[in-house]
Amino acid sequence: MGLGIHMNDKRRNAFTLTEVLISILVLGLIMAAVIGLFFAIVKHLEQSNDITTAQQRGEMVLTALGPKILAAGVGMPSPASYDEQLKQLQSFSDWVSPVSPDSGDELTILYTEPTEAIVSGETSLTEGTLASIDLVGPLPSATEMKNAQFQAAGWVAFPATRVALQVKTAADPLGVIPKGNGKVYAFDRLHLVRGVRAKVVDNWFVMDDLWTAPATSKRIVEGIAGFRFVQSSDVNGRFVTVWVLARGNTRHDSAVSPSKLDDWKDGKDYFYISTEDRHYRLKVVQRTWRLRNL
């Protein structure tokens, strides 16, 4: 009798086949959920990494472009006499502004870079008459400033003067031919005239240095799908707005980005996105600068 009771207790302590199958099923569901969650997290991280990469690339473009836009027109003639004074500068002939054109996908900027040379005394300028300017401090190298009227390297400017100055003697004293009447003031800093053309070539953001002949092209940022800009003006001044369409690292087999992005447009007009670029995660970065010196 006691033996029978003991055997029944052992049978009750064991798992039935049904219980084992249910346990396996529950465990399988849990594992499937865990694996699904894992892949969802990995996919989200990949997507976030792509967007972050694209964001960083776009910001790098704006960082490279910003200082040149802000320096556009420093020491340059007023818009009314811009083309007349700089007509010998071939890369920028027939222009009416240091930032040109009004819109498009290739932005050309005529700007100036400060040097360490400072004017030691006041000098009057008469249009077309050679003038000598005494400077204190190291002068730019012969490749940066020279007698070359058809290149940007052959021109200099002083912020307070706003007269185009063609270099005749790249030494101290500095010999220049002014293209207008004016005065160079003491303690003003010598600035070099420079030019750059910004555009996208083969998914690279490229800057062409226009102050040399021939112009040299520099690749700045990879993974740039598009570049657009528009100039505008209001009572507060003149502005240029730049849009950069950047893409992530991963190319997907099918399109993962839409054909239109709300940020990739000017007003109601959407900018073009190629079929190839839609296979990448895309990010639009935008910035507006006030053209303070025009």
C-alpha atoms as a PDB file:
ATOM      1  CA  MET A   1       0.000   0.000   0.000  1.00  0.00           C
ATOM      2  CA  GLY A   2       2.747   2.407   0.923  1.00  0.00           C
ATOM      3  CA  LEU A   3       4.636   1.541  -2.255  1.00  0.00           C
ATOM      4  CA  GLY A   4       1.663   2.466  -4.445  1.00  0.00           C
ATOM      5  CA  ILE A   5       1.322   5.870  -2.786  1.00  0.00           C
ATOM      6  CA  HIS A   6       5.049   6.522  -3.346  1.00  0.00           C
ATOM      7  CA  MET A   7       4.798   5.658  -7.068  1.00  0.00           C
ATOM      8  CA  ASN A   8       1.813   8.006  -7.524  1.00  0.00           C
ATOM      9  CA  ASP A   9       3.785  10.861  -5.917  1.00  0.00           C
ATOM     10  CA  LYS A  10       6.667  10.309  -8.358  1.00  0.00           C
ATOM     11  CA  ARG A  11       4.295  10.369 -11.332  1.00  0.00           C
ATOM     12  CA  ARG A  12       2.774  13.657 -10.149  1.00  0.00           C
ATOM     13  CA  ASN A  13       6.245  15.271  -9.814  1.00  0.00           C
ATOM     14  CA  ALA A  14       7.228  14.567 -13.468  1.00  0.00           C
ATOM     15  CA  PHE A  15       6.430  16.822 -16.508  1.00  0.00           C
ATOM     16  CA  THR A  16       3.960  15.595 -19.052  1.00  0.00           C
ATOM     17  CA  LEU A  17       4.714  15.810 -22.768  1.00  0.00           C
ATOM     18  CA  THR A  18       2.127  18.558 -23.140  1.00  0.00           C
ATOM     19  CA  GLU A  19       3.782  20.644 -20.463  1.00  0.00           C
ATOM     20  CA  VAL A  20       7.184  20.200 -22.104  1.00  0.00           C
ATOM     21  CA  LEU A  21       5.830  21.248 -25.509  1.00  0.00           C
ATOM     22  CA  ILE A  22       4.115  24.290 -24.027  1.00  0.00           C
ATOM     23  CA  SER A  23       7.343  25.288 -22.285  1.00  0.00           C
ATOM     24  CA  ILE A  24       9.300  24.945 -25.525  1.00  0.00           C
ATOM     25  CA  LEU A  25       6.672  26.998 -27.363  1.00  0.00           C
ATOM     26  CA  VAL A  26       6.752  29.773 -24.758  1.00  0.00           C
ATOM     27  CA  LEU A  27      10.548  29.762 -24.763  1.00  0.00           C
ATOM     28  CA  GLY A  28      10.539  29.957 -28.570  1.00  0.00           C
ATOM     29  CA  LEU A  29       8.169  32.913 -28.517  1.00  0.00           C
ATOM     30  CA  ILE A  30      10.364  34.702 -25.999  1.00  0.00           C
ATOM     31  CA  MET A  31      13.505  34.017 -28.046  1.00  0.00           C
ATOM     32  CA  ALA A  32      11.780  35.197 -31.226  1.00  0.00           C
ATOM     33  CA  ALA A  33      10.753  38.412 -29.486  1.00  0.00           C
ATOM     34  CA  VAL A  34      14.273  38.936 -28.154  1.00  0.00           C
ATOM     35  CA  ILE A  35      15.851  38.299 -31.558  1.00  0.00           C
ATOM     36  CA  GLY A  36      13.307  40.578 -33.250  1.00  0.00           C
ATOM     37  CA  LEU A  37      14.009  43.307 -30.728  1.00  0.00           C
ATOM     38  CA  PHE A  38      17.749  42.836 -31.223  1.00  0.00           C
ATOM     39  CA  PHE A  39      17.491  43.229 -34.995  1.00  0.00           C
ATOM     40  CA  ALA A  40      15.181  46.224 -34.580  1.00  0.00           C
ATOM     41  CA  ILE A  41      17.753  47.881 -32.323  1.00  0.00           C
ATOM     42  CA  VAL A  42      20.580  47.095 -34.751  1.00  0.00           C
ATOM     43  CA  LYS A  43      18.569  48.475 -37.672  1.00  0.00           C
ATOM     44  CA  HIS A  44      17.720  51.596 -35.698  1.00  0.00           C
ATOM     45  CA  LEU A  45      21.379  52.097 -34.799  1.00  0.00           C
ATOM     46  CA  GLU A  46      22.404  51.691 -38.443  1.00  0.00           C
ATOM     47  CA  GLN A  47      19.776  54.206 -39.511  1.00  0.00           C
ATOM     48  CA  SER A  48      20.794  56.650 -36.773  1.00  0.00           C
ATOM     49  CA  ASN A  49      24.451  56.254 -37.708  1.00  0.00           C
ATOM     50  CA  ASP A  50      23.655  56.973 -41.362  1.00  0.00           C
ATOM     51  CA  ILE A  51      21.633  60.072 -40.499  1.00  0.00           C
ATOM     52  CA  THR A  52      24.334  61.281 -38.109  1.00  0.00           C
ATOM     53  CA  THR A  53      27.016  60.773 -40.758  1.00  0.00           C
ATOM     54  CA  ALA A  54      24.958  62.674 -43.321  1.00  0.00           C
ATOM     55  CA  GLN A  55      24.316  65.475 -40.811  1.00  0.00           C
ATOM     56  CA  GLN A  56      28.021  65.792 -40.061  1.00  0.00           C
ATOM     57  CA  ARG A  57      28.905  65.872 -43.749  1.00  0.00           C
ATOM     58  CA  GLY A  58      26.399  68.633 -44.412  1.00  0.00           C
ATOM     59  CA  GLU A  59      27.685  70.686 -41.492  1.00  0.00           C
ATOM     60  CA  MET A  60      31.263  70.253 -42.729  1.00  0.00           C
ATOM     61  CA  VAL A  61      30.230  71.808 -46.049  1.00  0.00           C
ATOM     62  CA  LEU A  62      28.658  74.786 -44.290  1.00  0.00           C
ATOM     63  CA  THR A  63      31.710  75.150 -42.051  1.00  0.00           C
ATOM     64  CA  ALA A  64      34.007  75.273 -45.084  1.00  0.00           C
ATOM     65  CA  LEU A  65      31.773  77.718 -46.935  1.00  0.00           C
ATOM     66  CA  GLY A  66      30.737  80.047 -44.107  1.00  0.00           C
ATOM     67  CA  PRO A  67      33.953  82.059 -43.562  1.00  0.00           C
ATOM     68  CA  LYS A  68      34.238  82.793 -47.285  1.00  0.00           C
ATOM     69  CA  ILE A  69      30.639  84.008 -47.517  1.00  0.00           C
ATOM     70  CA  LEU A  70      31.119  86.245 -44.477  1.00  0.00           C
ATOM     71  CA  ALA A  71      34.319  87.672 -45.996  1.00  0.00           C
ATOM     72  CA  ALA A  72      32.722  88.285 -49.402  1.00  0.00           C
ATOM     73  CA  GLY A  73      33.194  91.867 -50.498  1.00  0.00           C
ATOM     74  CA  VAL A  74      35.462  92.954 -47.618  1.00  0.00           C
ATOM     75  CA  GLY A  75      37.425  95.951 -48.929  1.00  0.00           C
ATOM     76  CA  MET A  76      35.807  95.562 -52.345  1.00  0.00           C
ATOM     77  CA  PRO A  77      34.243  98.443 -54.320  1.00  0.00           C
ATOM     78  CA  SER A  78      30.588  99.321 -53.921  1.00  0.00           C
ATOM     79  CA  PRO A  79      28.169  97.393 -56.170  1.00  0.00           C
ATOM     80  CA  ALA A  80      27.778 100.444 -58.422  1.00  0.00           C
ATOM     81  CA  SER A  81      31.459 100.372 -59.434  1.00  0.00           C
ATOM     82  CA  TYR A  82      32.256  96.706 -58.849  1.00  0.00           C
ATOM     83  CA  ASP A  83      32.360  95.523 -62.449  1.00  0.00           C
ATOM     84  CA  GLU A  84      34.146  98.628 -63.721  1.00  0.00           C
ATOM     85  CA  GLN A  85      36.975  98.388 -61.184  1.00  0.00           C
ATOM     86  CA  LEU A  86      37.489  94.640 -61.538  1.00  0.00           C
ATOM     87  CA  LYS A  87      36.914  94.205 -65.274  1.00  0.00           C
ATOM     88  CA  GLN A  88      40.517  93.003 -65.776  1.00  0.00           C
ATOM     89  CA  LEU A  89      40.015  90.139 -63.359  1.00  0.00           C
ATOM     90  CA  GLN A  90      38.988  87.517 -65.907  1.00  0.00           C
ATOM     91  CA  SER A  91      37.436  84.961 -63.558  1.00  0.00           C
ATOM     92  CA  PHE A  92      35.004  87.594 -62.288  1.00  0.00           C
ATOM     93  CA  SER A  93      34.382  89.799 -65.303  1.00  0.00           C
ATOM     94  CA  ASP A  94      30.862  91.117 -65.982  1.00  0.00           C
ATOM     95  CA  TRP A  95      29.841  90.678 -62.367  1.00  0.00           C
ATOM     96  CA  VAL A  96      27.899  93.089 -60.196  1.00  0.00           C
ATOM     97  CA  SER A  97      28.461  91.345 -56.882  1.00  0.00           C
ATOM     98  CA  PRO A  98      31.128  89.310 -55.045  1.00  0.00           C
ATOM     99  CA  VAL A  99      28.517  86.568 -54.570  1.00  0.00           C
ATOM    100  CA  SER A 100      27.162  85.217 -57.837  1.00  0.00           C
ATOM    101  CA  PRO A 101      24.853  84.178 -59.397  1.00  0.00           C
ATOM    102  CA  ASP A 102      21.542  84.825 -57.637  1.00  0.00           C
ATOM    103  CA  SER A 103      20.704  81.115 -57.410  1.00  0.00           C
ATOM    104  CA  GLY A 104      21.794  77.713 -58.677  1.00  0.00           C
ATOM    105  CA  ASP A 105      24.104  74.829 -57.837  1.00  0.00           C
ATOM    106  CA  GLU A 106      27.495  76.527 -58.405  1.00  0.00           C
ATOM    107  CA  LEU A 107      28.251  79.399 -56.046  1.00  0.00           C
ATOM    108  CA  THR A 108      31.171  81.694 -56.845  1.00  0.00           C
ATOM    109  CA  ILE A 109      32.519  84.050 -54.188  1.00  0.00           C
ATOM    110  CA  LEU A 110      35.053  86.857 -54.387  1.00  0.00           C
ATOM    111  CA  TYR A 111      36.343  87.472 -50.871  1.00  0.00           C
ATOM    112  CA  THR A 112      39.443  88.674 -49.046  1.00  0.00           C
ATOM    113  CA  GLU A 113      41.844  87.103 -46.568  1.00  0.00           C
ATOM    114  CA  PRO A 114      43.689  89.181 -43.943  1.00  0.00           C
ATOM    115  CA  THR A 115      47.481  89.125 -43.774  1.00  0.00           C
ATOM    116  CA  GLU A 116      49.899  90.134 -41.011  1.00  0.00           C
ATOM    117  CA  ALA A 117      50.981  93.279 -42.872  1.00  0.00           C
ATOM    118  CA  ILE A 118      49.728  96.593 -41.422  1.00  0.00           C
ATOM    119  CA  VAL A 119      49.737 100.020 -43.084  1.00  0.00           C
ATOM    120  CA  SER A 120      52.251 102.281 -41.332  1.00  0.00           C
ATOM    121  CA  GLY A 121      51.058 105.610 -42.748  1.00  0.00           C
ATOM    122  CA  GLU A 122      48.231 107.242 -44.666  1.00  0.00           C
ATOM    123  CA  THR A 123      48.356 107.163 -48.474  1.00  0.00           C
ATOM    124  CA  SER A 124      46.106 109.008 -50.935  1.00  0.00           C
ATOM    125  CA  LEU A 125      44.935 107.134 -54.030  1.00  0.00           C
ATOM    126  CA  THR A 126      44.266 108.559 -57.472  1.00  0.00           C
ATOM    127  CA  GLU A 127      42.603 106.356 -60.057  1.00  0.00           C
ATOM    128  CA  GLY A 128      45.116 104.889 -62.507  1.00  0.00           C
ATOM    129  CA  THR A 129      48.163 106.406 -60.772  1.00  0.00           C
ATOM    130  CA  LEU A 130      50.803 104.171 -59.189  1.00  0.00           C
ATOM    131  CA  ALA A 131      50.792 104.482 -55.399  1.00  0.00           C
ATOM    132  CA  SER A 132      53.276 103.224 -52.801  1.00  0.00           C
ATOM    133  CA  ILE A 133      51.984 101.923 -49.485  1.00  0.00           C
ATOM    134  CA  ASP A 134      54.351 101.436 -46.553  1.00  0.00           C
ATOM    135  CA  LEU A 135      53.670  98.276 -44.577  1.00  0.00           C
ATOM    136  CA  VAL A 136      54.820  96.820 -41.282  1.00  0.00           C
ATOM    137  CA  GLY A 137      54.928  93.067 -40.780  1.00  0.00           C
ATOM    138  CA  PRO A 138      55.624  90.028 -42.964  1.00  0.00           C
ATOM    139  CA  LEU A 139      54.380  90.151 -46.535  1.00  0.00           C
ATOM    140  CA  PRO A 140      52.618  87.253 -48.288  1.00  0.00           C
ATOM    141  CA  SER A 141      54.713  84.937 -50.440  1.00  0.00           C
ATOM    142  CA  ALA A 142      55.311  85.572 -54.126  1.00  0.00           C
ATOM    143  CA  THR A 143      52.719  82.954 -55.073  1.00  0.00           C
ATOM    144  CA  GLU A 144      50.037  84.571 -52.903  1.00  0.00           C
ATOM    145  CA  MET A 145      50.566  88.174 -54.037  1.00  0.00           C
ATOM    146  CA  LYS A 146      52.153  89.117 -57.358  1.00  0.00           C
ATOM    147  CA  ASN A 147      51.944  91.285 -60.458  1.00  0.00           C
ATOM    148  CA  ALA A 148      49.226  89.355 -62.308  1.00  0.00           C
ATOM    149  CA  GLN A 149      46.315  91.562 -63.325  1.00  0.00           C
ATOM    150  CA  PHE A 150      44.219  88.708 -64.727  1.00  0.00           C
ATOM    151  CA  GLN A 151      44.390  86.635 -61.528  1.00  0.00           C
ATOM    152  CA  ALA A 152      42.915  87.250 -58.101  1.00  0.00           C
ATOM    153  CA  ALA A 153      46.461  86.899 -56.691  1.00  0.00           C
ATOM    154  CA  GLY A 154      47.296  90.147 -58.492  1.00  0.00           C
ATOM    155  CA  TRP A 155      44.819  92.193 -56.458  1.00  0.00           C
ATOM    156  CA  VAL A 156      44.669  93.401 -52.858  1.00  0.00           C
ATOM    157  CA  ALA A 157      42.276  95.403 -50.717  1.00  0.00           C
ATOM    158  CA  PHE A 158      42.033  97.384 -47.511  1.00  0.00           C
ATOM    159  CA  PRO A 159      38.716  97.156 -45.616  1.00  0.00           C
ATOM    160  CA  ALA A 160      38.451 100.887 -44.890  1.00  0.00           C
ATOM    161  CA  THR A 161      39.319 101.920 -48.455  1.00  0.00           C
ATOM    162  CA  ARG A 162      36.920  99.895 -50.629  1.00  0.00           C
ATOM    163  CA  VAL A 163      38.892 100.468 -53.820  1.00  0.00           C
ATOM    164  CA  ALA A 164      40.190  97.678 -56.066  1.00  0.00           C
ATOM    165  CA  LEU A 165      44.002  97.726 -56.039  1.00  0.00           C
ATOM    166  CA  GLN A 166      46.042  96.020 -58.741  1.00  0.00           C
ATOM    167  CA  VAL A 167      49.458  94.840 -57.539  1.00  0.00           C
ATOM    168  CA  LYS A 168      52.454  96.160 -59.466  1.00  0.00           C
ATOM    169  CA  THR A 169      55.254  95.615 -56.936  1.00  0.00           C
ATOM    170  CA  ALA A 170      54.804  92.855 -54.353  1.00  0.00           C
ATOM    171  CA  ALA A 171      57.318  94.279 -51.886  1.00  0.00           C
ATOM    172  CA  ASP A 172      57.615  96.907 -49.171  1.00  0.00           C
ATOM    173  CA  PRO A 173      56.597  99.529 -50.065  1.00  0.00           C
ATOM    174  CA  LEU A 174      53.707  97.877 -51.858  1.00  0.00           C
ATOM    175  CA  GLY A 175      53.165  99.278 -55.340  1.00  0.00           C
ATOM    176  CA  VAL A 176      49.536  99.327 -56.501  1.00  0.00           C
ATOM    177  CA  ILE A 177      47.425 100.890 -59.228  1.00  0.00           C
ATOM    178  CA  PRO A 178      44.080 101.969 -57.720  1.00  0.00           C
ATOM    179  CA  LYS A 179      40.959 101.583 -59.836  1.00  0.00           C
ATOM    180  CA  GLY A 180      39.273 104.453 -58.058  1.00  0.00           C
ATOM    181  CA  ASN A 181      39.989 107.464 -55.889  1.00  0.00           C
ATOM    182  CA  GLY A 182      40.333 107.060 -52.155  1.00  0.00           C
ATOM    183  CA  LYS A 183      42.678 106.804 -49.228  1.00  0.00           C
ATOM    184  CA  VAL A 184      44.522 104.014 -47.418  1.00  0.00           C
ATOM    185  CA  TYR A 185      44.468 104.653 -43.694  1.00  0.00           C
ATOM    186  CA  ALA A 186      47.152 103.954 -41.118  1.00  0.00           C
ATOM    187  CA  PHE A 187      46.871 100.707 -39.162  1.00  0.00           C
ATOM    188  CA  ASP A 188      44.539  99.153 -41.739  1.00  0.00           C
ATOM    189  CA  ARG A 189      45.377  95.531 -42.531  1.00  0.00           C
ATOM    190  CA  LEU A 190      46.398  94.314 -45.974  1.00  0.00           C
ATOM    191  CA  HIS A 191      43.910  91.799 -47.403  1.00  0.00           C
ATOM    192  CA  LEU A 192      44.460  89.432 -50.326  1.00  0.00           C
ATOM    193  CA  VAL A 193      41.721  89.073 -52.915  1.00  0.00           C
ATOM    194  CA  ARG A 194      40.615  85.478 -53.331  1.00  0.00           C
ATOM    195  CA  GLY A 195      37.993  83.653 -55.352  1.00  0.00           C
ATOM    196  CA  VAL A 196      36.329  80.284 -54.976  1.00  0.00           C
ATOM    197  CA  ARG A 197      33.647  78.331 -56.813  1.00  0.00           C
ATOM    198  CA  ALA A 198      31.655  75.840 -54.720  1.00  0.00           C
ATOM    199  CA  LYS A 199      29.840  72.907 -56.336  1.00  0.00           C
ATOM    200  CA  VAL A 200      29.210  69.158 -56.169  1.00  0.00           C
ATOM    201  CA  VAL A 201      31.093  66.799 -58.496  1.00  0.00           C
ATOM    202  CA  ASP A 202      30.646  63.014 -58.320  1.00  0.00           C
ATOM    203  CA  ASN A 203      29.194  63.171 -54.788  1.00  0.00           C
ATOM    204  CA  TRP A 204      32.066  65.334 -53.569  1.00  0.00           C
ATOM    205  CA  PHE A 205      31.694  68.908 -52.378  1.00  0.00           C
ATOM    206  CA  VAL A 206      34.409  70.678 -54.335  1.00  0.00           C
ATOM    207  CA  MET A 207      35.933  74.142 -54.152  1.00  0.00           C
ATOM    208  CA  ASP A 208      37.790  75.567 -57.139  1.00  0.00           C
ATOM    209  CA  ASP A 209      40.426  78.113 -56.089  1.00  0.00           C
ATOM    210  CA  LEU A 210      40.122  80.898 -58.661  1.00  0.00           C
ATOM    211  CA  TRP A 211      43.024  83.048 -57.475  1.00  0.00           C
ATOM    212  CA  THR A 212      45.517  80.938 -59.408  1.00  0.00           C
ATOM    213  CA  ALA A 213      45.817  80.249 -63.121  1.00  0.00           C
ATOM    214  CA  PRO A 214      44.790  77.674 -63.971  1.00  0.00           C
ATOM    215  CA  ALA A 215      42.276  77.234 -61.171  1.00  0.00           C
ATOM    216  CA  THR A 216      42.923  74.369 -58.773  1.00  0.00           C
ATOM    217  CA  SER A 217      40.132  72.091 -57.587  1.00  0.00           C
ATOM    218  CA  LYS A 218      40.005  70.750 -54.020  1.00  0.00           C
ATOM    219  CA  ARG A 219      37.784  67.941 -52.779  1.00  0.00           C
ATOM    220  CA  ILE A 220      36.411  68.991 -49.410  1.00  0.00           C
ATOM    221  CA  VAL A 221      33.651  66.595 -48.260  1.00  0.00           C
ATOM    222  CA  GLU A 222      32.593  63.197 -49.616  1.00  0.00           C
ATOM    223  CA  GLY A 223      29.016  61.914 -49.667  1.00  0.00           C
ATOM    224  CA  ILE A 224      27.290  65.107 -50.814  1.00  0.00           C
ATOM    225  CA  ALA A 225      24.326  64.473 -53.089  1.00  0.00           C
ATOM    226  CA  GLY A 226      23.295  68.050 -53.781  1.00  0.00           C
ATOM    227  CA  PHE A 227      24.082  71.724 -53.232  1.00  0.00           C
ATOM    228  CA  ARG A 228      21.744  74.680 -53.826  1.00  0.00           C
ATOM    229  CA  PHE A 229      21.712  78.352 -52.913  1.00  0.00           C
ATOM    230  CA  VAL A 230      19.457  81.380 -53.307  1.00  0.00           C
ATOM    231  CA  GLN A 231      20.144  85.052 -52.683  1.00  0.00           C
ATOM    232  CA  SER A 232      17.448  87.275 -51.227  1.00  0.00           C
ATOM    233  CA  SER A 233      17.060  90.714 -49.705  1.00  0.00           C
ATOM    234  CA  ASP A 234      14.727  92.614 -47.418  1.00  0.00           C
ATOM    235  CA  VAL A 235      14.766  95.732 -45.252  1.00  0.00           C
ATOM    236  CA  ASN A 236      17.414  94.106 -43.039  1.00  0.00           C
ATOM    237  CA  GLY A 237      19.892  93.570 -45.853  1.00  0.00           C
ATOM    238  CA  ARG A 238      20.990  90.969 -48.348  1.00  0.00           C
ATOM    239  CA  PHE A 239      21.184  87.255 -47.598  1.00  0.00           C
ATOM    240  CA  VAL A 240      22.291  83.979 -49.135  1.00  0.00           C
ATOM    241  CA  THR A 241      20.660  80.693 -48.133  1.00  0.00           C
ATOM    242  CA  VAL A 242      22.477  77.415 -48.767  1.00  0.00           C
ATOM    243  CA  TRP A 243      20.996  73.907 -48.768  1.00  0.00           C
ATOM    244  CA  VAL A 244      23.200  70.817 -48.633  1.00  0.00           C
ATOM    245  CA  LEU A 245      21.829  67.334 -49.349  1.00  0.00           C
ATOM    246  CA  ALA A 246      24.153  64.824 -47.694  1.00  0.00           C
ATOM    247  CA  ARG A 247      23.936  61.049 -47.579  1.00  0.00           C
ATOM    248  CA  GLY A 248      25.024  58.297 -45.201  1.00  0.00           C
ATOM    249  CA  ASN A 249      27.600  55.587 -45.796  1.00  0.00           C
ATOM    250  CA  THR A 250      25.343  52.599 -46.457  1.00  0.00           C
ATOM    251  CA  ARG A 251      23.878  51.960 -49.895  1.00  0.00           C
ATOM    252  CA  HIS A 252      20.685  49.897 -49.727  1.00  0.00           C
ATOM    253  CA  ASP A 253      19.423  47.555 -52.442  1.00  0.00           C
ATOM    254  CA  SER A 254      16.137  49.432 -52.714  1.00  0.00           C
ATOM    255  CA  ALA A 255      15.211  53.086 -52.277  1.00  0.00           C
ATOM    256  CA  VAL A 256      15.052  54.116 -48.616  1.00  0.00           C
ATOM    257  CA  SER A 257      14.550  57.857 -49.130  1.00  0.00           C
ATOM    258  CA  PRO A 258      11.595  59.603 -50.803  1.00  0.00           C
ATOM    259  CA  SER A 259      11.826  61.468 -54.098  1.00  0.00           C
ATOM    260  CA  LYS A 260      10.916  64.716 -52.306  1.00  0.00           C
ATOM    261  CA  LEU A 261      12.081  66.058 -48.951  1.00  0.00           C
ATOM    262  CA  ASP A 262      10.309  68.923 -47.213  1.00  0.00           C
ATOM    263  CA  ASP A 263      13.607  70.623 -46.357  1.00  0.00           C
ATOM    264  CA  TRP A 264      15.056  70.151 -49.849  1.00  0.00           C
ATOM    265  CA  LYS A 265      13.161  72.953 -51.571  1.00  0.00           C
ATOM    266  CA  ASP A 266      12.974  76.710 -52.031  1.00  0.00           C
ATOM    267  CA  GLY A 267       9.463  77.834 -51.247  1.00  0.00           C
ATOM    268  CA  LYS A 268       7.154  75.515 -53.177  1.00  0.00           C
ATOM    269  CA  ASP A 269       9.809  74.298 -55.610  1.00  0.00           C
ATOM    270  CA  TYR A 270      11.426  70.984 -54.678  1.00  0.00           C
ATOM    271  CA  PHE A 271      15.036  70.349 -55.645  1.00  0.00           C
ATOM    272  CA  TYR A 272      15.892  67.213 -57.607  1.00  0.00           C
ATOM    273  CA  ILE A 273      16.933  63.950 -55.905  1.00  0.00           C
ATOM    274  CA  SER A 274      18.458  61.302 -58.175  1.00  0.00           C
ATOM    275  CA  THR A 275      17.338  57.673 -58.172  1.00  0.00           C
ATOM    276  CA  GLU A 276      20.792  56.557 -57.035  1.00  0.00           C
ATOM    277  CA  ASP A 277      20.831  58.946 -54.084  1.00  0.00           C
ATOM    278  CA  ARG A 278      17.509  57.553 -52.875  1.00  0.00           C
ATOM    279  CA  HIS A 279      19.308  54.285 -52.065  1.00  0.00           C
ATOM    280  CA  TYR A 280      21.007  56.169 -49.195  1.00  0.00           C
ATOM    281  CA  ARG A 281      19.675  57.780 -46.039  1.00  0.00           C
ATOM    282  CA  LEU A 282      19.560  61.502 -46.790  1.00  0.00           C
ATOM    283  CA  LYS A 283      19.786  64.570 -44.587  1.00  0.00           C
ATOM    284  CA  VAL A 284      19.272  68.209 -45.537  1.00  0.00           C
ATOM    285  CA  VAL A 285      21.323  70.874 -43.765  1.00  0.00           C
ATOM    286  CA  GLN A 286      20.461  74.528 -44.338  1.00  0.00           C
ATOM    287  CA  ARG A 287      21.925  77.852 -43.272  1.00  0.00           C
ATOM    288  CA  THR A 288      21.386  81.515 -44.097  1.00  0.00           C
ATOM    289  CA  TRP A 289      24.089  84.175 -43.930  1.00  0.00           C
ATOM    290  CA  ARG A 290      23.719  87.926 -44.084  1.00  0.00           C
ATOM    291  CA  LEU A 291      26.035  89.454 -46.679  1.00  0.00           C
ATOM    292  CA  ARG A 292      27.360  92.182 -44.440  1.00  0.00           C
ATOM    293  CA  ASN A 293      29.846  93.806 -46.803  1.00  0.00           C
ATOM    294  CA  LEU A 294      27.699  94.326 -49.903  1.00  0.00           C
END
